[in-house]
PDB file of all heavy atoms in Angstrom:
ATOM      1  N   SER A   1       9.062  11.460  14.369  1.00  0.00           N
ATOM      2  CA  SER A   1       9.204  10.399  13.372  1.00  0.00           C
ATOM      3  C   SER A   1       9.084  10.922  11.944  1.00  0.00           C
ATOM      4  O   SER A   1       8.993  10.134  10.998  1.00  0.00           O
ATOM      5  CB  SER A   1       8.147   9.318  13.606  1.00  0.00           C
ATOM      6  OG  SER A   1       6.846   9.871  13.506  1.00  0.00           O
ATOM      7  N   PHE A   2       9.090  12.230  11.775  1.00  0.00           N
ATOM      8  CA  PHE A   2       9.008  12.798  10.431  1.00  0.00           C
ATOM      9  C   PHE A   2      10.329  12.633   9.684  1.00  0.00           C
ATOM     10  O   PHE A   2      11.394  12.552  10.297  1.00  0.00           O
ATOM     11  CB  PHE A   2       8.614  14.272  10.493  1.00  0.00           C
ATOM     12  CG  PHE A   2       7.144  14.486  10.717  1.00  0.00           C
ATOM     13  CD1 PHE A   2       6.614  14.487  12.004  1.00  0.00           C
ATOM     14  CD2 PHE A   2       6.283  14.670   9.657  1.00  0.00           C
ATOM     15  CE1 PHE A   2       5.258  14.677  12.223  1.00  0.00           C
ATOM     16  CE2 PHE A   2       4.921  14.860   9.856  1.00  0.00           C
ATOM     17  CZ  PHE A   2       4.414  14.864  11.138  1.00  0.00           C
ATOM     18  N   ASN A   3      10.242  12.603   8.362  1.00  0.00           N
ATOM     19  CA  ASN A   3      11.397  12.489   7.479  1.00  0.00           C
ATOM     20  C   ASN A   3      11.431  13.676   6.527  1.00  0.00           C
ATOM     21  O   ASN A   3      10.418  14.359   6.326  1.00  0.00           O
ATOM     22  CB  ASN A   3      11.317  11.219   6.640  1.00  0.00           C
ATOM     23  CG  ASN A   3      11.681   9.944   7.391  1.00  0.00           C
ATOM     24  OD1 ASN A   3      11.835   8.900   6.795  1.00  0.00           O
ATOM     25  ND2 ASN A   3      11.801  10.018   8.711  1.00  0.00           N
ATOM     26  N   ALA A   4      12.586  13.919   5.934  1.00  0.00           N
ATOM     27  CA  ALA A   4      12.712  14.966   4.916  1.00  0.00           C
ATOM     28  C   ALA A   4      13.950  14.685   4.080  1.00  0.00           C
ATOM     29  O   ALA A   4      14.927  14.107   4.567  1.00  0.00           O
ATOM     30  CB  ALA A   4      12.798  16.345   5.541  1.00  0.00           C
ATOM     31  N   VAL A   5      13.897  15.110   2.823  1.00  0.00           N
ATOM     32  CA  VAL A   5      15.046  15.004   1.929  1.00  0.00           C
ATOM     33  C   VAL A   5      15.271  16.359   1.279  1.00  0.00           C
ATOM     34  O   VAL A   5      14.336  16.966   0.751  1.00  0.00           O
ATOM     35  CB  VAL A   5      14.843  13.933   0.843  1.00  0.00           C
ATOM     36  CG1 VAL A   5      16.061  13.852  -0.068  1.00  0.00           C
ATOM     37  CG2 VAL A   5      14.565  12.571   1.470  1.00  0.00           C
ATOM     38  N   PHE A   6      16.513  16.818   1.323  1.00  0.00           N
ATOM     39  CA  PHE A   6      16.914  18.111   0.783  1.00  0.00           C
ATOM     40  C   PHE A   6      17.761  17.856  -0.459  1.00  0.00           C
ATOM     41  O   PHE A   6      18.820  17.235  -0.377  1.00  0.00           O
ATOM     42  CB  PHE A   6      17.713  18.867   1.851  1.00  0.00           C
ATOM     43  CG  PHE A   6      18.035  20.286   1.525  1.00  0.00           C
ATOM     44  CD1 PHE A   6      17.087  21.277   1.698  1.00  0.00           C
ATOM     45  CD2 PHE A   6      19.290  20.647   1.068  1.00  0.00           C
ATOM     46  CE1 PHE A   6      17.381  22.602   1.422  1.00  0.00           C
ATOM     47  CE2 PHE A   6      19.601  21.962   0.783  1.00  0.00           C
ATOM     48  CZ  PHE A   6      18.647  22.950   0.965  1.00  0.00           C
ATOM     49  N   LEU A   7      17.273  18.286  -1.619  1.00  0.00           N
ATOM     50  CA  LEU A   7      17.950  18.060  -2.901  1.00  0.00           C
ATOM     51  C   LEU A   7      18.530  19.362  -3.426  1.00  0.00           C
ATOM     52  O   LEU A   7      17.959  20.437  -3.219  1.00  0.00           O
ATOM     53  CB  LEU A   7      16.970  17.511  -3.937  1.00  0.00           C
ATOM     54  CG  LEU A   7      16.256  16.196  -3.629  1.00  0.00           C
ATOM     55  CD1 LEU A   7      15.129  15.974  -4.632  1.00  0.00           C
ATOM     56  CD2 LEU A   7      17.234  15.039  -3.662  1.00  0.00           C
ATOM     57  N   GLN A   8      19.638  19.259  -4.155  1.00  0.00           N
ATOM     58  CA  GLN A   8      20.214  20.406  -4.842  1.00  0.00           C
ATOM     59  C   GLN A   8      20.438  20.039  -6.307  1.00  0.00           C
ATOM     60  O   GLN A   8      21.254  19.170  -6.621  1.00  0.00           O
ATOM     61  CB  GLN A   8      21.531  20.834  -4.192  1.00  0.00           C
ATOM     62  CG  GLN A   8      21.339  21.451  -2.811  1.00  0.00           C
ATOM     63  CD  GLN A   8      22.633  21.936  -2.203  1.00  0.00           C
ATOM     64  OE1 GLN A   8      23.633  21.237  -2.222  1.00  0.00           O
ATOM     65  NE2 GLN A   8      22.617  23.137  -1.650  1.00  0.00           N
ATOM     66  N   GLY A   9      19.675  20.685  -7.188  1.00  0.00           N
ATOM     67  CA  GLY A   9      19.816  20.484  -8.621  1.00  0.00           C
ATOM     68  C   GLY A   9      20.488  21.680  -9.262  1.00  0.00           C
ATOM     69  O   GLY A   9      20.379  22.802  -8.760  1.00  0.00           O
ATOM     70  N   ASP A  10      21.170  21.458 -10.387  1.00  0.00           N
ATOM     71  CA  ASP A  10      21.925  22.551 -10.978  1.00  0.00           C
ATOM     72  C   ASP A  10      21.026  23.631 -11.570  1.00  0.00           C
ATOM     73  O   ASP A  10      21.419  24.792 -11.669  1.00  0.00           O
ATOM     74  CB  ASP A  10      22.900  22.027 -12.039  1.00  0.00           C
ATOM     75  CG  ASP A  10      22.206  21.441 -13.261  1.00  0.00           C
ATOM     76  OD1 ASP A  10      21.027  21.028 -13.149  1.00  0.00           O
ATOM     77  OD2 ASP A  10      22.849  21.373 -14.318  1.00  0.00           O
ATOM     78  N   SER A  11      19.806  23.291 -11.948  1.00  0.00           N
ATOM     79  CA  SER A  11      18.890  24.279 -12.516  1.00  0.00           C
ATOM     80  C   SER A  11      17.869  24.789 -11.500  1.00  0.00           C
ATOM     81  O   SER A  11      17.635  25.987 -11.380  1.00  0.00           O
ATOM     82  CB  SER A  11      18.148  23.683 -13.720  1.00  0.00           C
ATOM     83  OG  SER A  11      19.054  23.330 -14.745  1.00  0.00           O
ATOM     84  N   VAL A  12      17.259  23.881 -10.776  1.00  0.00           N
ATOM     85  CA  VAL A  12      16.183  24.263  -9.854  1.00  0.00           C
ATOM     86  C   VAL A  12      16.703  24.831  -8.544  1.00  0.00           C
ATOM     87  O   VAL A  12      16.018  25.554  -7.851  1.00  0.00           O
ATOM     88  CB  VAL A  12      15.247  23.057  -9.590  1.00  0.00           C
ATOM     89  CG1 VAL A  12      15.911  22.028  -8.698  1.00  0.00           C
ATOM     90  CG2 VAL A  12      13.931  23.514  -8.986  1.00  0.00           C
ATOM     91  N   GLY A  13      17.939  24.482  -8.181  1.00  0.00           N
ATOM     92  CA  GLY A  13      18.475  24.903  -6.886  1.00  0.00           C
ATOM     93  C   GLY A  13      18.037  23.966  -5.778  1.00  0.00           C
ATOM     94  O   GLY A  13      18.096  22.750  -5.931  1.00  0.00           O
ATOM     95  N   ASP A  14      17.559  24.522  -4.672  1.00  0.00           N
ATOM     96  CA  ASP A  14      17.209  23.720  -3.500  1.00  0.00           C
ATOM     97  C   ASP A  14      15.748  23.279  -3.545  1.00  0.00           C
ATOM     98  O   ASP A  14      14.859  24.076  -3.833  1.00  0.00           O
ATOM     99  CB  ASP A  14      17.434  24.514  -2.213  1.00  0.00           C
ATOM    100  CG  ASP A  14      18.894  24.880  -2.001  1.00  0.00           C
ATOM    101  OD1 ASP A  14      19.753  24.258  -2.640  1.00  0.00           O
ATOM    102  OD2 ASP A  14      19.167  25.785  -1.191  1.00  0.00           O
ATOM    103  N   VAL A  15      15.534  22.008  -3.238  1.00  0.00           N
ATOM    104  CA  VAL A  15      14.185  21.444  -3.131  1.00  0.00           C
ATOM    105  C   VAL A  15      14.149  20.587  -1.883  1.00  0.00           C
ATOM    106  O   VAL A  15      15.066  19.801  -1.635  1.00  0.00           O
ATOM    107  CB  VAL A  15      13.829  20.571  -4.361  1.00  0.00           C
ATOM    108  CG1 VAL A  15      12.488  19.876  -4.152  1.00  0.00           C
ATOM    109  CG2 VAL A  15      13.806  21.401  -5.626  1.00  0.00           C
ATOM    110  N   MET A  16      13.096  20.721  -1.077  1.00  0.00           N
ATOM    111  CA  MET A  16      12.979  19.878   0.111  1.00  0.00           C
ATOM    112  C   MET A  16      11.603  19.243   0.173  1.00  0.00           C
ATOM    113  O   MET A  16      10.589  19.913  -0.034  1.00  0.00           O
ATOM    114  CB  MET A  16      13.233  20.686   1.379  1.00  0.00           C
ATOM    115  CG  MET A  16      13.230  19.825   2.647  1.00  0.00           C
ATOM    116  SD  MET A  16      13.927  20.678   4.071  1.00  0.00           S
ATOM    117  CE  MET A  16      12.654  20.362   5.284  1.00  0.00           C
ATOM    118  N   LEU A  17      11.575  17.941   0.446  1.00  0.00           N
ATOM    119  CA  LEU A  17      10.328  17.198   0.620  1.00  0.00           C
ATOM    120  C   LEU A  17      10.265  16.722   2.062  1.00  0.00           C
ATOM    121  O   LEU A  17      11.258  16.234   2.609  1.00  0.00           O
ATOM    122  CB  LEU A  17      10.263  16.003  -0.328  1.00  0.00           C
ATOM    123  CG  LEU A  17      10.109  16.336  -1.813  1.00  0.00           C
ATOM    124  CD1 LEU A  17      11.479  16.494  -2.464  1.00  0.00           C
ATOM    125  CD2 LEU A  17       9.329  15.245  -2.534  1.00  0.00           C
ATOM    126  N   TYR A  18       9.071  16.844   2.659  1.00  0.00           N
ATOM    127  CA  TYR A  18       8.925  16.593   4.090  1.00  0.00           C
ATOM    128  C   TYR A  18       7.607  15.861   4.342  1.00  0.00           C
ATOM    129  O   TYR A  18       6.594  16.136   3.694  1.00  0.00           O
ATOM    130  CB  TYR A  18       8.922  17.945   4.814  1.00  0.00           C
ATOM    131  CG  TYR A  18       8.445  17.917   6.250  1.00  0.00           C
ATOM    132  CD1 TYR A  18       9.329  17.654   7.288  1.00  0.00           C
ATOM    133  CD2 TYR A  18       7.120  18.211   6.575  1.00  0.00           C
ATOM    134  CE1 TYR A  18       8.906  17.668   8.611  1.00  0.00           C
ATOM    135  CE2 TYR A  18       6.677  18.218   7.896  1.00  0.00           C
ATOM    136  CZ  TYR A  18       7.578  17.948   8.912  1.00  0.00           C
ATOM    137  OH  TYR A  18       7.154  17.958  10.212  1.00  0.00           O
ATOM    138  N   GLY A  19       7.607  14.922   5.264  1.00  0.00           N
ATOM    139  CA  GLY A  19       6.371  14.237   5.626  1.00  0.00           C
ATOM    140  C   GLY A  19       6.632  13.043   6.513  1.00  0.00           C
ATOM    141  O   GLY A  19       7.742  12.847   7.018  1.00  0.00           O
ATOM    142  N   ARG A  20       5.610  12.233   6.682  1.00  0.00           N
ATOM    143  CA  ARG A  20       5.737  11.056   7.548  1.00  0.00           C
ATOM    144  C   ARG A  20       6.496   9.949   6.821  1.00  0.00           C
ATOM    145  O   ARG A  20       6.160   9.590   5.698  1.00  0.00           O
ATOM    146  CB  ARG A  20       4.359  10.563   7.981  1.00  0.00           C
ATOM    147  CG  ARG A  20       3.643  11.551   8.887  1.00  0.00           C
ATOM    148  CD  ARG A  20       2.466  10.929   9.614  1.00  0.00           C
ATOM    149  NE  ARG A  20       1.845  11.899  10.528  1.00  0.00           N
ATOM    150  CZ  ARG A  20       2.270  12.137  11.765  1.00  0.00           C
ATOM    151  NH1 ARG A  20       3.308  11.467  12.228  1.00  0.00           N
ATOM    152  NH2 ARG A  20       1.661  13.038  12.524  1.00  0.00           N
ATOM    153  N   GLY A  21       7.499   9.424   7.506  1.00  0.00           N
ATOM    154  CA  GLY A  21       8.373   8.454   6.870  1.00  0.00           C
ATOM    155  C   GLY A  21       7.979   7.013   7.060  1.00  0.00           C
ATOM    156  O   GLY A  21       8.663   6.115   6.563  1.00  0.00           O
ATOM    157  N   ALA A  22       6.909   6.753   7.774  1.00  0.00           N
ATOM    158  CA  ALA A  22       6.492   5.373   8.020  1.00  0.00           C
ATOM    159  C   ALA A  22       5.042   5.372   8.477  1.00  0.00           C
ATOM    160  O   ALA A  22       4.420   6.420   8.630  1.00  0.00           O
ATOM    161  CB  ALA A  22       7.395   4.722   9.073  1.00  0.00           C
ATOM    162  N   GLY A  23       4.510   4.157   8.692  1.00  0.00           N
ATOM    163  CA  GLY A  23       3.140   4.030   9.162  1.00  0.00           C
ATOM    164  C   GLY A  23       2.245   3.387   8.118  1.00  0.00           C
ATOM    165  O   GLY A  23       2.548   3.394   6.928  1.00  0.00           O
ATOM    166  N   ALA A  24       1.141   2.841   8.578  1.00  0.00           N
ATOM    167  CA  ALA A  24       0.240   2.099   7.694  1.00  0.00           C
ATOM    168  C   ALA A  24      -0.287   2.959   6.553  1.00  0.00           C
ATOM    169  O   ALA A  24      -0.190   2.582   5.377  1.00  0.00           O
ATOM    170  CB  ALA A  24      -0.925   1.534   8.516  1.00  0.00           C
ATOM    171  N   LEU A  25      -0.847   4.113   6.872  1.00  0.00           N
ATOM    172  CA  LEU A  25      -1.475   4.932   5.836  1.00  0.00           C
ATOM    173  C   LEU A  25      -0.475   5.742   5.016  1.00  0.00           C
ATOM    174  O   LEU A  25      -0.609   5.808   3.789  1.00  0.00           O
ATOM    175  CB  LEU A  25      -2.549   5.823   6.450  1.00  0.00           C
ATOM    176  CG  LEU A  25      -3.720   5.068   7.093  1.00  0.00           C
ATOM    177  CD1 LEU A  25      -4.761   6.045   7.629  1.00  0.00           C
ATOM    178  CD2 LEU A  25      -4.368   4.101   6.100  1.00  0.00           C
ATOM    179  N   PRO A  26       0.561   6.370   5.624  1.00  0.00           N
ATOM    180  CA  PRO A  26       1.538   7.062   4.774  1.00  0.00           C
ATOM    181  C   PRO A  26       2.229   6.127   3.780  1.00  0.00           C
ATOM    182  O   PRO A  26       2.361   6.456   2.595  1.00  0.00           O
ATOM    183  CB  PRO A  26       2.535   7.632   5.790  1.00  0.00           C
ATOM    184  CG  PRO A  26       1.730   7.834   7.021  1.00  0.00           C
ATOM    185  CD  PRO A  26       0.790   6.651   7.052  1.00  0.00           C
ATOM    186  N   THR A  27       2.660   4.952   4.238  1.00  0.00           N
ATOM    187  CA  THR A  27       3.310   4.013   3.325  1.00  0.00           C
ATOM    188  C   THR A  27       2.298   3.437   2.347  1.00  0.00           C
ATOM    189  O   THR A  27       2.591   3.262   1.159  1.00  0.00           O
ATOM    190  CB  THR A  27       3.996   2.879   4.121  1.00  0.00           C
ATOM    191  OG1 THR A  27       4.858   3.456   5.106  1.00  0.00           O
ATOM    192  CG2 THR A  27       4.809   1.989   3.191  1.00  0.00           C
ATOM    193  N   GLY A  28       1.094   3.156   2.834  1.00  0.00           N
ATOM    194  CA  GLY A  28       0.031   2.703   1.944  1.00  0.00           C
ATOM    195  C   GLY A  28      -0.285   3.723   0.875  1.00  0.00           C
ATOM    196  O   GLY A  28      -0.575   3.384  -0.280  1.00  0.00           O
ATOM    197  N   SER A  29      -0.206   5.005   1.219  1.00  0.00           N
ATOM    198  CA  SER A  29      -0.421   6.069   0.250  1.00  0.00           C
ATOM    199  C   SER A  29       0.576   5.974  -0.901  1.00  0.00           C
ATOM    200  O   SER A  29       0.210   6.122  -2.078  1.00  0.00           O
ATOM    201  CB  SER A  29      -0.284   7.430   0.946  1.00  0.00           C
ATOM    202  OG  SER A  29      -0.202   8.479   0.007  1.00  0.00           O
ATOM    203  N   ALA A  30       1.850   5.740  -0.569  1.00  0.00           N
ATOM    204  CA  ALA A  30       2.883   5.612  -1.608  1.00  0.00           C
ATOM    205  C   ALA A  30       2.646   4.385  -2.478  1.00  0.00           C
ATOM    206  O   ALA A  30       2.838   4.422  -3.704  1.00  0.00           O
ATOM    207  CB  ALA A  30       4.258   5.546  -0.956  1.00  0.00           C
ATOM    208  N   ILE A  31       2.206   3.283  -1.863  1.00  0.00           N
ATOM    209  CA  ILE A  31       1.933   2.056  -2.621  1.00  0.00           C
ATOM    210  C   ILE A  31       0.781   2.282  -3.591  1.00  0.00           C
ATOM    211  O   ILE A  31       0.862   1.923  -4.779  1.00  0.00           O
ATOM    212  CB  ILE A  31       1.621   0.896  -1.657  1.00  0.00           C
ATOM    213  CG1 ILE A  31       2.887   0.482  -0.901  1.00  0.00           C
ATOM    214  CG2 ILE A  31       1.033  -0.300  -2.406  1.00  0.00           C
ATOM    215  CD1 ILE A  31       2.635  -0.450   0.252  1.00  0.00           C
ATOM    216  N   VAL A  32      -0.296   2.870  -3.113  1.00  0.00           N
ATOM    217  CA  VAL A  32      -1.462   3.094  -3.971  1.00  0.00           C
ATOM    218  C   VAL A  32      -1.128   4.094  -5.080  1.00  0.00           C
ATOM    219  O   VAL A  32      -1.600   3.952  -6.211  1.00  0.00           O
ATOM    220  CB  VAL A  32      -2.668   3.564  -3.134  1.00  0.00           C
ATOM    221  CG1 VAL A  32      -3.837   3.926  -4.038  1.00  0.00           C
ATOM    222  CG2 VAL A  32      -3.081   2.465  -2.146  1.00  0.00           C
ATOM    223  N   SER A  33      -0.289   5.063  -4.775  1.00  0.00           N
ATOM    224  CA  SER A  33       0.160   5.991  -5.805  1.00  0.00           C
ATOM    225  C   SER A  33       0.856   5.243  -6.943  1.00  0.00           C
ATOM    226  O   SER A  33       0.622   5.522  -8.130  1.00  0.00           O
ATOM    227  CB  SER A  33       1.113   7.027  -5.203  1.00  0.00           C
ATOM    228  OG  SER A  33       1.679   7.837  -6.208  1.00  0.00           O
ATOM    229  N   ASP A  34       1.695   4.273  -6.588  1.00  0.00           N
ATOM    230  CA  ASP A  34       2.364   3.460  -7.610  1.00  0.00           C
ATOM    231  C   ASP A  34       1.371   2.610  -8.397  1.00  0.00           C
ATOM    232  O   ASP A  34       1.501   2.434  -9.617  1.00  0.00           O
ATOM    233  CB  ASP A  34       3.408   2.548  -6.960  1.00  0.00           C
ATOM    234  CG  ASP A  34       4.777   3.206  -6.849  1.00  0.00           C
ATOM    235  OD1 ASP A  34       4.989   4.265  -7.482  1.00  0.00           O
ATOM    236  OD2 ASP A  34       5.641   2.658  -6.130  1.00  0.00           O
TER     237      ASP A  34
END
């Protein structure tokens, strides 16, 4: 159930973010961060 996003920027090149894409605490973490 893990998620990831692979980005390509013209200056930075490749960037990838990886982690849990759902669930009470992972999603709650994003809400509290906001």
